Amino acid sequence: MDNKVCFVTSFWLGERRMESPIYKEDRLYFLKKQIELLQTKKHNLSKIIFNFNIIPEHYSYISKILN
């Protein structure tokens, strides 16, 4: 039997109640950190899904997200 594991994580690019200075500078900071972690740590994930809660103000980030 194949062990398949799907990892789903959601991202919000808007303002947060407690923002770190790094996040204020780069709204994609948490996405970049998640990708870095997945690339550097050993895992057995067979599927990774990034979910984004997007509002019209965030449309400018879509092309950056896809890159």
N, C-alpha and C. Protein backbone atom coordinates (compact mmCIF):
# COMPACT_ATOMS: atom_id res chain seq x y z
N MET A 1 0.83 -1.17 0.00
CA MET A 1 0.00 0.00 0.00
C MET A 1 0.88 1.25 0.00
N ASP A 2 0.62 2.17 -0.90
CA ASP A 2 1.35 3.42 -0.96
C ASP A 2 0.83 4.38 0.10
N ASN A 3 1.75 4.93 0.84
CA ASN A 3 1.37 5.97 1.81
C ASN A 3 1.45 7.31 1.11
N LYS A 4 0.31 7.89 0.87
CA LYS A 4 0.27 9.20 0.23
C LYS A 4 -0.20 10.21 1.25
N VAL A 5 0.52 11.33 1.30
CA VAL A 5 0.19 12.38 2.26
C VAL A 5 0.07 13.69 1.51
N CYS A 6 -1.03 14.38 1.73
CA CYS A 6 -1.28 15.67 1.11
C CYS A 6 -1.16 16.75 2.18
N PHE A 7 -0.37 17.76 1.88
CA PHE A 7 -0.18 18.89 2.79
C PHE A 7 -0.91 20.09 2.20
N VAL A 8 -1.84 20.67 2.96
CA VAL A 8 -2.58 21.85 2.51
C VAL A 8 -2.29 22.97 3.50
N THR A 9 -1.89 24.11 2.97
CA THR A 9 -1.65 25.26 3.83
C THR A 9 -2.27 26.50 3.18
N SER A 10 -2.79 27.37 3.99
CA SER A 10 -3.48 28.56 3.50
C SER A 10 -2.67 29.81 3.82
N PHE A 11 -2.76 30.78 2.93
CA PHE A 11 -2.03 32.03 3.09
C PHE A 11 -2.97 33.22 2.99
N TRP A 12 -2.67 34.22 3.78
CA TRP A 12 -3.39 35.50 3.75
C TRP A 12 -2.34 36.58 3.53
N LEU A 13 -2.56 37.44 2.55
CA LEU A 13 -1.58 38.47 2.21
C LEU A 13 -1.92 39.83 2.77
N GLY A 14 -3.01 39.92 3.49
CA GLY A 14 -3.46 41.19 4.02
C GLY A 14 -2.83 41.53 5.36
N GLU A 15 -3.36 42.57 5.95
CA GLU A 15 -2.86 43.02 7.25
C GLU A 15 -3.17 41.98 8.32
N ARG A 16 -2.30 41.94 9.31
CA ARG A 16 -2.45 41.02 10.43
C ARG A 16 -2.52 41.81 11.73
N ARG A 17 -3.10 41.21 12.74
CA ARG A 17 -3.18 41.90 14.03
C ARG A 17 -1.80 42.20 14.59
N MET A 18 -0.92 41.24 14.47
CA MET A 18 0.45 41.42 14.95
C MET A 18 1.39 41.15 13.78
N GLU A 19 1.83 42.19 13.10
CA GLU A 19 2.68 42.03 11.93
C GLU A 19 4.15 42.15 12.34
N SER A 20 4.95 41.31 11.73
CA SER A 20 6.40 41.44 11.91
C SER A 20 6.92 42.43 10.88
N PRO A 21 8.02 43.09 11.17
CA PRO A 21 8.58 44.04 10.20
C PRO A 21 8.91 43.38 8.85
N ILE A 22 9.35 42.13 8.88
CA ILE A 22 9.68 41.42 7.64
C ILE A 22 8.44 41.25 6.78
N TYR A 23 7.32 40.89 7.40
CA TYR A 23 6.07 40.70 6.65
C TYR A 23 5.58 42.02 6.07
N LYS A 24 5.77 43.12 6.78
CA LYS A 24 5.35 44.42 6.26
C LYS A 24 6.12 44.77 4.99
N GLU A 25 7.39 44.37 4.93
CA GLU A 25 8.22 44.63 3.76
C GLU A 25 7.90 43.69 2.61
N ASP A 26 7.60 42.44 2.93
CA ASP A 26 7.40 41.41 1.90
C ASP A 26 6.18 40.57 2.26
N ARG A 27 5.06 40.83 1.60
CA ARG A 27 3.81 40.11 1.90
C ARG A 27 3.91 38.63 1.54
N LEU A 28 4.91 38.23 0.77
CA LEU A 28 5.08 36.83 0.41
C LEU A 28 6.09 36.13 1.32
N TYR A 29 6.47 36.77 2.40
CA TYR A 29 7.48 36.22 3.30
C TYR A 29 7.11 34.83 3.81
N PHE A 30 5.89 34.64 4.28
CA PHE A 30 5.50 33.34 4.84
C PHE A 30 5.44 32.26 3.76
N LEU A 31 5.03 32.62 2.56
CA LEU A 31 5.05 31.67 1.44
C LEU A 31 6.49 31.25 1.14
N LYS A 32 7.39 32.21 1.05
CA LYS A 32 8.79 31.92 0.75
C LYS A 32 9.40 31.03 1.83
N LYS A 33 9.08 31.31 3.08
CA LYS A 33 9.61 30.49 4.18
C LYS A 33 9.06 29.07 4.13
N GLN A 34 7.79 28.92 3.78
CA GLN A 34 7.19 27.60 3.68
C GLN A 34 7.86 26.79 2.57
N ILE A 35 8.08 27.42 1.42
CA ILE A 35 8.75 26.75 0.31
C ILE A 35 10.18 26.37 0.70
N GLU A 36 10.87 27.28 1.35
CA GLU A 36 12.25 27.00 1.79
C GLU A 36 12.27 25.79 2.72
N LEU A 37 11.35 25.74 3.65
CA LEU A 37 11.29 24.62 4.58
C LEU A 37 11.02 23.31 3.85
N LEU A 38 10.08 23.32 2.93
CA LEU A 38 9.74 22.10 2.19
C LEU A 38 10.90 21.64 1.30
N GLN A 39 11.72 22.57 0.83
CA GLN A 39 12.85 22.20 -0.01
C GLN A 39 14.05 21.71 0.79
N THR A 40 14.16 22.10 2.04
CA THR A 40 15.34 21.76 2.82
C THR A 40 15.13 20.62 3.82
N LYS A 41 13.90 20.35 4.17
CA LYS A 41 13.61 19.28 5.14
C LYS A 41 13.09 18.04 4.41
N LYS A 42 13.52 16.90 4.87
CA LYS A 42 13.05 15.65 4.29
C LYS A 42 11.59 15.43 4.69
N HIS A 43 10.79 15.03 3.71
CA HIS A 43 9.38 14.74 3.98
C HIS A 43 8.90 13.67 3.00
N ASN A 44 7.74 13.12 3.26
CA ASN A 44 7.17 12.11 2.37
C ASN A 44 5.83 12.59 1.79
N LEU A 45 5.73 13.88 1.56
CA LEU A 45 4.49 14.43 1.02
C LEU A 45 4.39 14.09 -0.46
N SER A 46 3.24 13.57 -0.85
CA SER A 46 3.03 13.24 -2.26
C SER A 46 2.32 14.37 -3.00
N LYS A 47 1.71 15.28 -2.26
CA LYS A 47 1.03 16.43 -2.87
C LYS A 47 1.09 17.60 -1.90
N ILE A 48 1.36 18.78 -2.45
CA ILE A 48 1.42 20.00 -1.65
C ILE A 48 0.49 21.01 -2.29
N ILE A 49 -0.43 21.54 -1.50
CA ILE A 49 -1.41 22.51 -2.01
C ILE A 49 -1.28 23.79 -1.22
N PHE A 50 -1.06 24.89 -1.94
CA PHE A 50 -1.04 26.21 -1.33
C PHE A 50 -2.36 26.89 -1.67
N ASN A 51 -3.08 27.28 -0.66
CA ASN A 51 -4.36 27.95 -0.82
C ASN A 51 -4.18 29.42 -0.44
N PHE A 52 -4.72 30.33 -1.27
CA PHE A 52 -4.58 31.75 -1.00
C PHE A 52 -5.96 32.39 -0.87
N ASN A 53 -6.15 33.12 0.21
CA ASN A 53 -7.37 33.89 0.42
C ASN A 53 -7.10 35.25 -0.21
N ILE A 54 -7.56 35.43 -1.44
CA ILE A 54 -7.23 36.62 -2.22
C ILE A 54 -8.42 37.57 -2.28
N ILE A 55 -8.13 38.84 -2.08
CA ILE A 55 -9.12 39.90 -2.30
C ILE A 55 -8.57 40.78 -3.42
N PRO A 56 -9.41 41.61 -4.03
CA PRO A 56 -8.94 42.41 -5.18
C PRO A 56 -7.65 43.19 -4.92
N GLU A 57 -7.42 43.65 -3.71
CA GLU A 57 -6.20 44.39 -3.40
C GLU A 57 -4.94 43.54 -3.53
N HIS A 58 -5.10 42.22 -3.55
CA HIS A 58 -3.96 41.31 -3.61
C HIS A 58 -3.70 40.79 -5.02
N TYR A 59 -4.50 41.17 -5.99
CA TYR A 59 -4.33 40.65 -7.34
C TYR A 59 -2.94 40.89 -7.90
N SER A 60 -2.29 41.96 -7.49
CA SER A 60 -0.95 42.25 -8.01
C SER A 60 0.08 41.21 -7.58
N TYR A 61 -0.23 40.42 -6.58
CA TYR A 61 0.71 39.40 -6.09
C TYR A 61 0.59 38.07 -6.86
N ILE A 62 -0.44 37.88 -7.63
CA ILE A 62 -0.69 36.59 -8.25
C ILE A 62 0.47 36.14 -9.12
N SER A 63 1.00 37.01 -9.97
CA SER A 63 2.11 36.61 -10.84
C SER A 63 3.34 36.26 -10.01
N LYS A 64 3.59 36.97 -8.92
CA LYS A 64 4.72 36.67 -8.04
C LYS A 64 4.53 35.32 -7.35
N ILE A 65 3.31 35.04 -6.95
CA ILE A 65 3.00 33.75 -6.31
C ILE A 65 3.28 32.60 -7.28
N LEU A 66 2.87 32.74 -8.52
CA LEU A 66 3.05 31.67 -9.50
C LEU A 66 4.51 31.45 -9.86
N ASN A 67 5.31 32.50 -9.75
CA ASN A 67 6.74 32.34 -10.02
C ASN A 67 7.40 31.55 -8.90
